[in-house]
N, C-alpha and C. Protein backbone atom coordinates (compact mmCIF):
# COMPACT_ATOMS: atom_id res chain seq x y z
N GLY A 1 66.49 -69.49 36.21
CA GLY A 1 66.55 -69.22 38.12
C GLY A 1 68.08 -69.20 38.44
N ASP A 2 68.50 -68.68 39.63
CA ASP A 2 68.98 -68.59 39.60
C ASP A 2 69.75 -69.91 40.72
N GLU A 3 70.81 -70.17 39.51
CA GLU A 3 71.22 -71.79 40.29
C GLU A 3 71.96 -72.04 40.89
N ARG A 4 72.86 -70.51 41.49
CA ARG A 4 73.38 -70.90 42.89
C ARG A 4 73.30 -70.58 43.66
N GLY A 5 72.09 -69.76 44.07
CA GLY A 5 70.90 -69.48 44.78
C GLY A 5 70.19 -71.15 45.00
N VAL A 6 69.77 -72.06 44.08
CA VAL A 6 68.73 -73.32 44.48
C VAL A 6 70.74 -74.31 45.45
N ALA A 7 71.35 -74.30 44.72
CA ALA A 7 72.36 -75.14 44.66
C ALA A 7 72.76 -74.08 47.12
N TYR A 8 72.38 -72.83 47.22
CA TYR A 8 73.22 -72.84 47.81
C TYR A 8 72.27 -73.26 49.30
N ALA A 9 70.70 -72.78 49.10
CA ALA A 9 70.36 -73.30 49.81
C ALA A 9 69.86 -75.11 50.29
N LEU A 10 70.37 -75.99 49.45
CA LEU A 10 70.25 -77.17 49.16
C LEU A 10 71.00 -77.45 50.24
N SER A 11 72.69 -76.88 49.79
CA SER A 11 73.13 -77.11 51.31
C SER A 11 73.18 -76.84 52.29
N GLN A 12 72.27 -75.51 52.32
CA GLN A 12 71.79 -75.14 54.25
C GLN A 12 70.63 -76.19 54.22
N LEU A 13 69.54 -76.87 53.69
CA LEU A 13 68.70 -77.52 53.75
C LEU A 13 69.23 -79.42 54.62
N SER A 14 70.90 -79.08 54.31
CA SER A 14 71.28 -80.11 54.18
C SER A 14 71.44 -80.31 55.43
N ALA A 15 71.82 -79.04 55.89
CA ALA A 15 72.56 -79.06 57.30
C ALA A 15 71.59 -78.87 58.08
N THR A 16 69.95 -78.61 58.03
CA THR A 16 69.08 -78.81 59.45
C THR A 16 69.09 -80.40 59.06
N LEU A 17 69.02 -81.01 58.14
CA LEU A 17 69.11 -82.92 58.67
C LEU A 17 69.96 -83.51 58.53
N LEU A 18 70.82 -83.20 59.07
CA LEU A 18 72.25 -83.55 58.50
C LEU A 18 72.35 -83.55 61.06
N MET A 19 71.91 -82.12 60.86
CA MET A 19 71.31 -82.12 62.90
C MET A 19 70.02 -82.69 63.05
N GLN A 20 69.47 -83.38 62.03
CA GLN A 20 68.04 -84.16 62.28
C GLN A 20 68.73 -85.58 62.39
N GLU A 21 69.65 -85.95 61.85
CA GLU A 21 70.19 -87.54 61.62
C GLU A 21 69.37 -87.71 60.58
N GLN A 22 69.02 -87.10 59.58
CA GLN A 22 68.57 -87.51 57.96
C GLN A 22 69.69 -87.39 57.22
N TRP A 23 70.33 -88.85 57.79
CA TRP A 23 71.74 -88.92 56.46
C TRP A 23 71.05 -88.71 55.00
N GLN A 24 70.03 -90.15 54.31
CA GLN A 24 69.82 -90.23 53.26
C GLN A 24 69.43 -88.55 51.95
N ALA A 25 68.79 -88.06 53.41
CA ALA A 25 67.51 -86.84 52.79
C ALA A 25 69.64 -86.19 52.28
N ALA A 26 69.72 -85.84 53.96
CA ALA A 26 70.69 -84.05 53.07
C ALA A 26 71.78 -84.89 51.79
N ARG A 27 72.67 -86.42 52.15
CA ARG A 27 72.95 -86.90 51.29
C ARG A 27 72.99 -86.35 49.51
N GLU A 28 71.44 -86.99 49.43
CA GLU A 28 70.73 -86.36 47.67
C GLU A 28 70.63 -84.83 47.83
N LEU A 29 70.37 -84.24 49.36
CA LEU A 29 70.25 -82.72 49.15
C LEU A 29 71.84 -82.07 48.41
N LEU A 30 72.78 -82.96 48.81
CA LEU A 30 74.10 -82.48 48.56
C LEU A 30 74.84 -82.75 47.35
N GLN A 31 74.69 -84.22 47.32
CA GLN A 31 74.49 -84.27 45.23
C GLN A 31 73.77 -83.27 45.15
N GLU A 32 72.82 -82.97 45.12
CA GLU A 32 72.19 -81.68 43.95
C GLU A 32 72.87 -80.38 44.63
N SER A 33 73.27 -80.31 45.29
CA SER A 33 73.72 -79.29 45.68
C SER A 33 75.54 -79.01 44.52
N LEU A 34 75.77 -79.97 44.68
CA LEU A 34 77.64 -80.46 44.62
C LEU A 34 77.37 -80.91 42.90
N THR A 35 76.47 -80.48 42.57
CA THR A 35 75.72 -80.89 40.69
C THR A 35 76.06 -79.70 40.39
N ILE A 36 75.32 -79.12 41.10
CA ILE A 36 74.92 -77.13 40.59
C ILE A 36 76.16 -76.32 40.58
N SER A 37 76.92 -76.64 42.07
CA SER A 37 78.14 -75.39 41.88
C SER A 37 79.01 -76.16 41.38
N GLU A 38 79.26 -76.73 40.99
CA GLU A 38 80.75 -77.43 39.75
C GLU A 38 80.07 -76.74 39.25
N ALA A 39 78.78 -77.07 37.92
CA ALA A 39 78.34 -76.85 36.47
C ALA A 39 78.65 -74.90 36.71
N GLN A 40 78.22 -74.66 37.78
CA GLN A 40 78.11 -72.87 38.38
C GLN A 40 79.55 -72.10 38.32
N HIS A 41 80.43 -73.27 38.44
CA HIS A 41 81.55 -73.09 38.68
C HIS A 41 81.76 -72.21 40.27
N ASP A 42 80.53 -72.41 41.29
CA ASP A 42 80.68 -71.80 42.71
C ASP A 42 81.29 -72.19 43.67
N THR A 43 82.62 -71.36 43.67
CA THR A 43 83.51 -71.93 44.53
C THR A 43 82.91 -71.77 46.61
N ALA A 44 82.49 -70.72 46.65
CA ALA A 44 81.46 -70.61 47.77
C ALA A 44 81.11 -71.77 47.99
N GLY A 45 80.00 -71.77 46.65
CA GLY A 45 79.03 -73.40 46.66
C GLY A 45 79.58 -74.26 47.38
N LEU A 46 80.30 -74.95 46.61
CA LEU A 46 81.85 -75.73 46.39
C LEU A 46 81.95 -75.99 48.43
N ILE A 47 82.55 -74.79 48.86
CA ILE A 47 83.42 -74.77 49.70
C ILE A 47 82.39 -75.46 50.89
N ALA A 48 80.69 -74.74 50.63
CA ALA A 48 79.34 -74.88 51.76
C ALA A 48 79.67 -76.82 51.51
N THR A 49 79.55 -76.82 50.25
CA THR A 49 78.96 -78.46 50.22
C THR A 49 79.62 -78.82 50.05
N TYR A 50 81.13 -79.11 49.85
CA TYR A 50 82.56 -79.83 50.52
C TYR A 50 82.21 -79.89 51.90
N ASN A 51 82.46 -78.87 52.64
CA ASN A 51 82.52 -78.72 54.04
C ASN A 51 80.88 -79.68 54.93
N ASN A 52 79.55 -79.37 54.25
CA ASN A 52 78.54 -80.62 54.49
C ASN A 52 78.69 -82.05 54.58
N LEU A 53 79.51 -82.20 52.92
CA LEU A 53 79.75 -83.69 52.66
C LEU A 53 80.37 -84.46 53.92
N GLY A 54 81.36 -83.06 54.04
CA GLY A 54 82.59 -83.47 55.30
C GLY A 54 81.98 -84.01 56.67
N TRP A 55 80.93 -83.19 56.91
CA TRP A 55 80.51 -83.72 58.54
C TRP A 55 79.39 -85.00 58.57
N LEU A 56 78.98 -84.67 57.33
CA LEU A 56 77.99 -85.89 56.74
C LEU A 56 79.22 -87.41 56.75
N ALA A 57 80.37 -87.24 56.66
CA ALA A 57 81.03 -88.49 56.29
C ALA A 57 81.79 -88.63 57.72
N ILE A 58 82.04 -87.88 58.80
CA ILE A 58 82.08 -88.14 60.03
C ILE A 58 80.58 -88.33 60.55
N LYS A 59 79.91 -87.89 60.22
CA LYS A 59 79.13 -88.50 61.22
C LYS A 59 78.49 -90.37 60.88
N LEU A 60 78.86 -90.49 59.79
CA LEU A 60 78.90 -92.05 58.77
C LEU A 60 80.05 -92.60 59.62
N GLY A 61 81.01 -92.37 59.76
CA GLY A 61 82.14 -92.87 60.44
C GLY A 61 83.27 -93.06 59.03
N ASP A 62 83.10 -92.37 58.61
CA ASP A 62 83.69 -92.74 56.83
C ASP A 62 84.96 -91.46 56.91
N TYR A 63 85.83 -91.42 57.53
CA TYR A 63 86.70 -90.58 57.77
C TYR A 63 87.98 -90.01 56.90
N ALA A 64 88.42 -91.09 55.87
CA ALA A 64 88.73 -91.26 54.93
C ALA A 64 88.62 -90.27 53.91
N ALA A 65 86.51 -90.44 53.59
CA ALA A 65 86.19 -89.71 53.23
C ALA A 65 85.48 -87.67 53.58
N ALA A 66 85.47 -88.55 55.39
CA ALA A 66 85.52 -86.49 55.50
C ALA A 66 86.75 -85.80 54.24
N ARG A 67 88.46 -86.91 55.14
CA ARG A 67 89.57 -86.30 55.38
C ARG A 67 89.11 -84.97 53.59
N ARG A 68 89.23 -86.34 52.55
CA ARG A 68 88.77 -85.79 51.15
C ARG A 68 88.39 -84.63 50.81
N TRP A 69 86.66 -84.48 51.62
CA TRP A 69 85.62 -83.89 51.25
C TRP A 69 86.51 -82.27 52.09
N GLU A 70 87.44 -82.86 53.55
CA GLU A 70 87.61 -80.97 54.53
C GLU A 70 88.89 -80.58 53.52
N THR A 71 89.93 -81.64 53.09
CA THR A 71 91.34 -80.93 51.85
C THR A 71 90.22 -80.32 51.32
N ALA A 72 89.12 -80.49 50.35
CA ALA A 72 89.13 -79.23 49.05
C ALA A 72 88.54 -78.79 50.00
N ALA A 73 87.48 -78.63 50.94
CA ALA A 73 86.83 -77.23 51.65
C ALA A 73 88.23 -76.35 52.56
N LEU A 74 88.44 -76.95 52.58
CA LEU A 74 90.50 -76.16 52.99
C LEU A 74 90.36 -75.22 52.12
N ASP A 75 91.18 -76.02 51.49
CA ASP A 75 91.49 -75.93 49.78
C ASP A 75 90.92 -74.61 48.97
N PHE A 76 90.20 -74.72 48.88
CA PHE A 76 89.79 -73.59 48.70
C PHE A 76 89.17 -72.10 49.03
N ALA A 77 88.62 -72.57 50.14
CA ALA A 77 88.59 -71.81 51.43
C ALA A 77 89.52 -70.89 51.68
N HIS A 78 90.77 -71.67 51.39
CA HIS A 78 91.96 -70.50 51.83
C HIS A 78 92.49 -69.91 51.35
N ARG A 79 92.31 -70.18 49.29
CA ARG A 79 92.67 -69.57 48.92
C ARG A 79 92.12 -68.94 48.69
N LEU A 80 90.62 -68.78 48.29
CA LEU A 80 89.89 -67.66 48.36
C LEU A 80 89.57 -66.34 49.49
N GLY A 81 90.38 -66.94 50.43
CA GLY A 81 90.11 -66.41 51.90
C GLY A 81 88.68 -66.42 52.79
N ASP A 82 87.82 -67.49 52.49
CA ASP A 82 86.20 -67.53 53.40
C ASP A 82 86.38 -67.35 54.28
N GLY A 83 86.68 -66.73 55.55
CA GLY A 83 86.86 -66.96 56.52
C GLY A 83 85.72 -68.30 57.41
N GLU A 84 84.65 -68.22 57.30
CA GLU A 84 83.81 -68.98 58.12
C GLU A 84 84.20 -70.25 57.25
N GLY A 85 84.11 -70.55 55.42
CA GLY A 85 84.41 -71.62 54.67
C GLY A 85 86.45 -72.68 55.91
N LEU A 86 86.86 -71.28 56.26
CA LEU A 86 88.14 -72.12 57.05
C LEU A 86 87.68 -72.45 58.66
N ILE A 87 86.73 -71.66 59.51
CA ILE A 87 86.24 -72.05 60.30
C ILE A 87 85.89 -73.61 60.73
N ILE A 88 85.00 -73.89 59.74
CA ILE A 88 84.16 -74.75 59.23
C ILE A 88 85.40 -75.91 59.44
N GLY A 89 86.00 -76.47 58.48
CA GLY A 89 86.50 -76.88 57.81
C GLY A 89 87.59 -76.92 58.56
N LEU A 90 88.11 -76.03 59.36
CA LEU A 90 89.28 -76.31 60.54
C LEU A 90 88.58 -77.22 61.75
N GLU A 91 86.78 -76.91 62.22
CA GLU A 91 86.58 -77.53 63.49
C GLU A 91 86.20 -78.71 62.63
N ASN A 92 85.68 -79.25 60.85
CA ASN A 92 85.43 -80.75 60.62
C ASN A 92 86.52 -81.52 60.90
N MET A 93 87.88 -81.06 60.19
CA MET A 93 89.31 -81.36 60.04
C MET A 93 90.08 -81.78 60.92
N ALA A 94 89.22 -80.75 62.15
CA ALA A 94 89.25 -81.52 64.38
C ALA A 94 88.89 -82.46 64.51
N GLN A 95 87.55 -82.96 64.47
CA GLN A 95 86.81 -83.34 64.49
C GLN A 95 87.67 -85.03 63.76
N VAL A 96 87.91 -84.95 62.72
CA VAL A 96 88.90 -86.17 62.05
C VAL A 96 89.25 -86.47 62.97
N LEU A 97 90.58 -86.10 63.01
CA LEU A 97 91.50 -85.70 63.87
C LEU A 97 91.64 -86.76 65.33
N PHE A 98 90.58 -86.47 65.89
CA PHE A 98 90.15 -87.14 67.24
C PHE A 98 89.97 -88.19 66.93
N ALA A 99 89.03 -88.72 66.27
CA ALA A 99 88.08 -89.45 65.66
C ALA A 99 89.47 -90.57 65.64
N GLU A 100 90.39 -90.29 64.36
CA GLU A 100 91.62 -90.90 64.46
C GLU A 100 92.96 -91.25 65.55
N GLY A 101 92.45 -90.23 66.40
CA GLY A 101 93.32 -90.51 68.12
C GLY A 101 94.60 -89.40 67.74
N TYR A 102 94.41 -87.90 67.28
CA TYR A 102 94.86 -87.20 67.41
C TYR A 102 94.82 -85.95 67.88
N ALA A 103 93.76 -86.36 69.32
CA ALA A 103 92.98 -84.85 69.87
C ALA A 103 94.53 -83.95 70.35
N ASP A 104 95.15 -84.25 70.39
CA ASP A 104 96.38 -82.68 70.23
C ASP A 104 96.54 -81.87 69.95
N ARG A 105 96.41 -82.40 68.10
CA ARG A 105 96.31 -82.08 67.17
C ARG A 105 94.85 -81.38 66.84
N ALA A 106 93.98 -82.42 67.06
CA ALA A 106 92.13 -82.19 67.13
C ALA A 106 92.53 -80.63 68.04
N ALA A 107 92.69 -80.15 68.93
CA ALA A 107 92.38 -79.58 69.91
C ALA A 107 93.63 -78.08 69.61
N SER A 108 94.33 -78.33 68.92
CA SER A 108 94.96 -77.17 68.35
C SER A 108 93.76 -76.58 66.99
N LEU A 109 93.50 -77.44 66.31
CA LEU A 109 93.17 -76.91 65.50
C LEU A 109 91.34 -76.14 65.37
N VAL A 110 91.17 -76.66 66.65
CA VAL A 110 89.83 -76.08 67.02
C VAL A 110 90.32 -74.81 67.83
N ALA A 111 91.44 -74.47 68.52
CA ALA A 111 91.72 -72.89 69.18
C ALA A 111 91.63 -72.21 67.81
N VAL A 112 92.57 -72.42 66.48
CA VAL A 112 92.41 -71.41 65.53
C VAL A 112 91.24 -71.25 64.87
N ALA A 113 90.58 -71.73 64.73
CA ALA A 113 89.28 -71.43 64.37
C ALA A 113 88.25 -70.94 66.00
N ALA A 114 88.71 -71.18 67.11
CA ALA A 114 87.62 -70.03 68.01
C ALA A 114 88.14 -69.01 67.33
N ARG A 115 89.69 -69.05 67.11
CA ARG A 115 90.38 -66.85 67.27
C ARG A 115 89.85 -66.87 65.64
N LEU A 116 90.10 -67.24 65.05
CA LEU A 116 88.78 -67.57 63.60
C LEU A 116 87.76 -66.67 63.91
N ARG A 117 86.49 -67.26 64.67
CA ARG A 117 85.27 -66.92 64.55
C ARG A 117 85.47 -65.41 65.87
N THR A 118 86.24 -65.34 66.47
CA THR A 118 86.08 -63.48 67.51
C THR A 118 86.98 -63.19 66.55
N GLU A 119 87.78 -63.02 65.66
CA GLU A 119 88.18 -62.56 64.88
C GLU A 119 87.70 -61.65 63.79
N LEU A 120 86.39 -62.58 62.87
CA LEU A 120 85.86 -62.74 62.18
C LEU A 120 84.62 -62.04 62.62
N LYS A 121 84.24 -62.07 64.18
CA LYS A 121 83.08 -61.75 64.48
C LYS A 121 82.10 -63.01 64.60
N VAL A 122 82.36 -64.79 64.08
CA VAL A 122 81.20 -65.48 63.95
C VAL A 122 81.13 -66.24 64.54
N PRO A 123 80.06 -66.39 65.27
CA PRO A 123 79.75 -66.88 66.03
C PRO A 123 79.46 -68.93 66.34
N VAL A 124 79.73 -69.67 67.46
CA VAL A 124 78.85 -71.21 67.05
C VAL A 124 77.64 -70.42 66.60
N HIS A 125 76.85 -71.26 65.90
CA HIS A 125 75.33 -71.45 65.23
C HIS A 125 75.04 -71.73 67.28
N LEU A 126 73.39 -70.69 67.34
CA LEU A 126 73.25 -71.69 68.35
C LEU A 126 72.31 -72.99 68.41
N SER A 127 71.94 -73.51 67.18
CA SER A 127 72.01 -75.18 67.27
C SER A 127 72.51 -76.16 66.93
N GLU A 128 73.80 -75.74 67.38
CA GLU A 128 75.91 -76.15 67.22
C GLU A 128 76.38 -76.37 68.55
N GLN A 129 75.95 -74.89 69.10
CA GLN A 129 76.35 -75.43 70.89
C GLN A 129 76.38 -76.16 71.99
N ALA A 130 75.69 -77.09 71.48
CA ALA A 130 75.34 -78.07 72.88
C ALA A 130 76.70 -78.74 71.91
N GLY A 131 76.84 -79.15 70.71
CA GLY A 131 77.62 -79.99 70.18
C GLY A 131 79.32 -80.55 70.45
N TYR A 132 78.93 -78.39 70.02
CA TYR A 132 80.44 -78.10 70.14
C TYR A 132 81.19 -77.54 71.69
N ALA A 133 79.67 -77.39 72.55
CA ALA A 133 80.25 -77.77 73.92
C ALA A 133 80.69 -78.98 74.26
N ALA A 134 80.18 -80.11 73.44
CA ALA A 134 80.04 -81.33 74.23
C ALA A 134 82.09 -82.08 73.71
N SER A 135 82.39 -81.41 72.34
CA SER A 135 83.22 -82.50 71.60
C SER A 135 84.23 -81.16 72.28
N LEU A 136 84.18 -80.24 73.05
CA LEU A 136 85.72 -78.93 73.23
C LEU A 136 85.67 -80.27 75.52
N ALA A 137 84.53 -80.54 75.77
CA ALA A 137 84.34 -81.27 76.47
C ALA A 137 85.42 -82.61 76.36
N ALA A 138 84.76 -83.60 75.36
CA ALA A 138 85.33 -85.23 74.72
C ALA A 138 86.85 -84.40 74.47
N LEU A 139 87.48 -83.27 73.95
CA LEU A 139 89.08 -83.25 74.13
C LEU A 139 89.88 -83.71 75.12
N ARG A 140 89.33 -82.21 76.22
CA ARG A 140 89.61 -82.34 77.41
C ARG A 140 89.72 -83.25 77.76
N GLN A 141 88.45 -83.72 78.14
CA GLN A 141 89.04 -85.17 78.80
C GLN A 141 89.69 -85.79 78.25
N CYS A 142 90.37 -86.15 77.15
CA CYS A 142 90.37 -87.32 75.68
C CYS A 142 92.61 -86.47 76.70
N LEU A 143 92.57 -85.85 76.85
CA LEU A 143 93.76 -85.21 77.09
C LEU A 143 94.76 -84.32 78.13
N GLY A 144 93.38 -84.83 79.14
CA GLY A 144 93.88 -83.74 80.23
C GLY A 144 94.36 -82.92 80.41
N ASP A 145 93.26 -81.50 81.17
CA ASP A 145 93.49 -80.56 81.62
C ASP A 145 94.75 -79.28 81.03
N ALA A 146 96.18 -79.72 81.57
CA ALA A 146 97.48 -79.54 81.06
C ALA A 146 97.81 -79.28 79.74
N THR A 147 97.79 -81.31 79.21
CA THR A 147 97.40 -81.14 77.72
C THR A 147 96.56 -80.68 77.25
N PHE A 148 95.64 -79.97 77.10
CA PHE A 148 94.46 -79.43 76.48
C PHE A 148 94.84 -78.12 76.74
N GLU A 149 95.59 -77.72 77.68
CA GLU A 149 95.43 -75.97 77.47
C GLU A 149 97.29 -75.40 76.57
N LEU A 150 98.05 -76.95 76.84
CA LEU A 150 98.74 -76.32 75.64
C LEU A 150 98.55 -76.54 74.34
N ALA A 151 97.70 -77.66 73.92
CA ALA A 151 97.38 -77.81 73.13
C ALA A 151 96.32 -77.04 72.41
N TRP A 152 95.92 -75.87 73.32
CA TRP A 152 95.05 -75.01 73.14
C TRP A 152 95.69 -73.03 73.19
N ALA A 153 96.46 -73.75 73.67
CA ALA A 153 97.54 -72.18 73.59
C ALA A 153 98.33 -72.08 72.46
N ASP A 154 98.89 -73.44 71.82
CA ASP A 154 99.40 -73.65 69.91
C ASP A 154 98.49 -72.96 69.30
N GLY A 155 97.47 -73.71 69.76
CA GLY A 155 96.00 -73.22 68.71
C GLY A 155 95.88 -72.02 68.32
N LYS A 156 96.18 -71.20 69.54
CA LYS A 156 95.93 -70.14 69.10
C LYS A 156 96.46 -68.68 68.94
N ALA A 157 97.80 -69.29 68.90
CA ALA A 157 99.03 -68.56 68.60
C ALA A 157 99.98 -68.86 66.94
N MET A 158 98.92 -70.15 66.41
CA MET A 158 99.61 -70.17 65.55
C MET A 158 99.17 -69.91 64.31
N PRO A 159 99.62 -69.08 62.95
CA PRO A 159 99.88 -68.35 61.87
C PRO A 159 98.02 -68.85 61.07
N LEU A 160 98.51 -68.89 60.39
CA LEU A 160 96.77 -69.15 59.66
C LEU A 160 97.53 -70.59 58.77
N GLU A 161 98.77 -70.01 57.91
CA GLU A 161 99.06 -70.95 56.95
C GLU A 161 99.44 -71.94 57.08
N GLN A 162 100.37 -72.41 58.85
CA GLN A 162 100.67 -73.31 59.78
C GLN A 162 99.10 -73.71 60.19
N ALA A 163 98.21 -73.61 59.94
CA ALA A 163 97.31 -74.36 61.30
C ALA A 163 96.44 -74.91 59.33
N VAL A 164 96.16 -74.36 58.69
CA VAL A 164 95.95 -75.25 57.54
C VAL A 164 96.74 -76.36 56.77
N ALA A 165 98.20 -75.28 56.63
CA ALA A 165 98.79 -76.91 56.46
C ALA A 165 98.53 -78.40 57.25
N ALA A 166 99.15 -77.58 58.41
CA ALA A 166 98.43 -79.31 59.52
C ALA A 166 97.24 -79.37 59.56
N ALA A 167 96.23 -79.05 59.21
CA ALA A 167 95.07 -79.63 58.72
C ALA A 167 95.06 -80.27 57.42
N LEU A 168 96.04 -80.22 56.89
CA LEU A 168 95.42 -80.79 55.34
C LEU A 168 96.71 -81.77 55.57
N GLU A 169 97.71 -81.74 55.96
CA GLU A 169 98.97 -82.79 56.34
C GLU A 169 98.49 -83.85 57.00
N GLN A 170 98.79 -85.31 56.39
CA GLN A 170 98.39 -85.83 56.87
C GLN A 170 99.33 -86.75 57.93
N PRO A 171 98.00 -87.50 59.59
CA PRO A 171 99.07 -87.81 59.97
C PRO A 171 99.95 -88.70 60.02
N VAL A 172 101.06 -88.58 60.75
CA VAL A 172 101.54 -89.93 61.24
C VAL A 172 102.20 -89.81 62.50
N GLY A 173 102.46 -90.78 63.45
CA GLY A 173 102.85 -91.05 64.54
C GLY A 173 102.54 -91.26 65.79
N ASP A 174 103.27 -90.61 66.70
CA ASP A 174 102.25 -91.14 68.51
C ASP A 174 100.82 -90.34 68.35
N ARG A 175 99.95 -90.85 68.93
CA ARG A 175 98.25 -89.86 68.58
C ARG A 175 98.76 -89.92 70.35
N LYS A 176 97.95 -89.45 70.50
CA LYS A 176 96.69 -88.75 71.91
C LYS A 176 96.10 -87.67 71.02
C-alpha cells in the first residue's frame, strides 16, 4: 500500500485528536506515523509528525520534549524548504519560549511565522484561529503593547536564517 499516505493520514488524524484533547489516542497515532515515516525515509512526513509531537508535548507541559521535537522539525523543514513545516515549527517553538518565560523572543518568532504565512499564502486553519488569537493576546498582555510591537516588528524584519537560528538556540539570560 501507500505507506507514506498512511503515515500522513495518521499524523493529520492525530492533529484532530489533539484539538479534542485526546492526548493518549493522539500519541499512539503519532508513534505509528513516526515509525512509518522513519522506515520510508519520508522527510515531509517526519516534519509533520515532529511538529504534531511537539504540539502534544506543549499541551502536556513537557517543554523539553517539545523543544526536541520542534528542533528536529525546524531542522528538516529549513533544509528542505518546507514552508508550512517552518511556519508550524516556528509557532510551536514560540509557544515553548513563552512557557519558559521568553515572551519577547516568542513574539518575534510568531511575527516571522506570520510573515511567512502571508508570503506563502498559508492561512491559519479555521479550527486554529481562536487559539492563535488567544496566543497573540497572551503575548501582548505579558509584554505590554509597546514591547510587543517592538518584538513583532523585529520578527517581521528578521531574515529567515536568523529566525531559524534563534528558534533552535537554547535561551539563556533575562526572561520577559
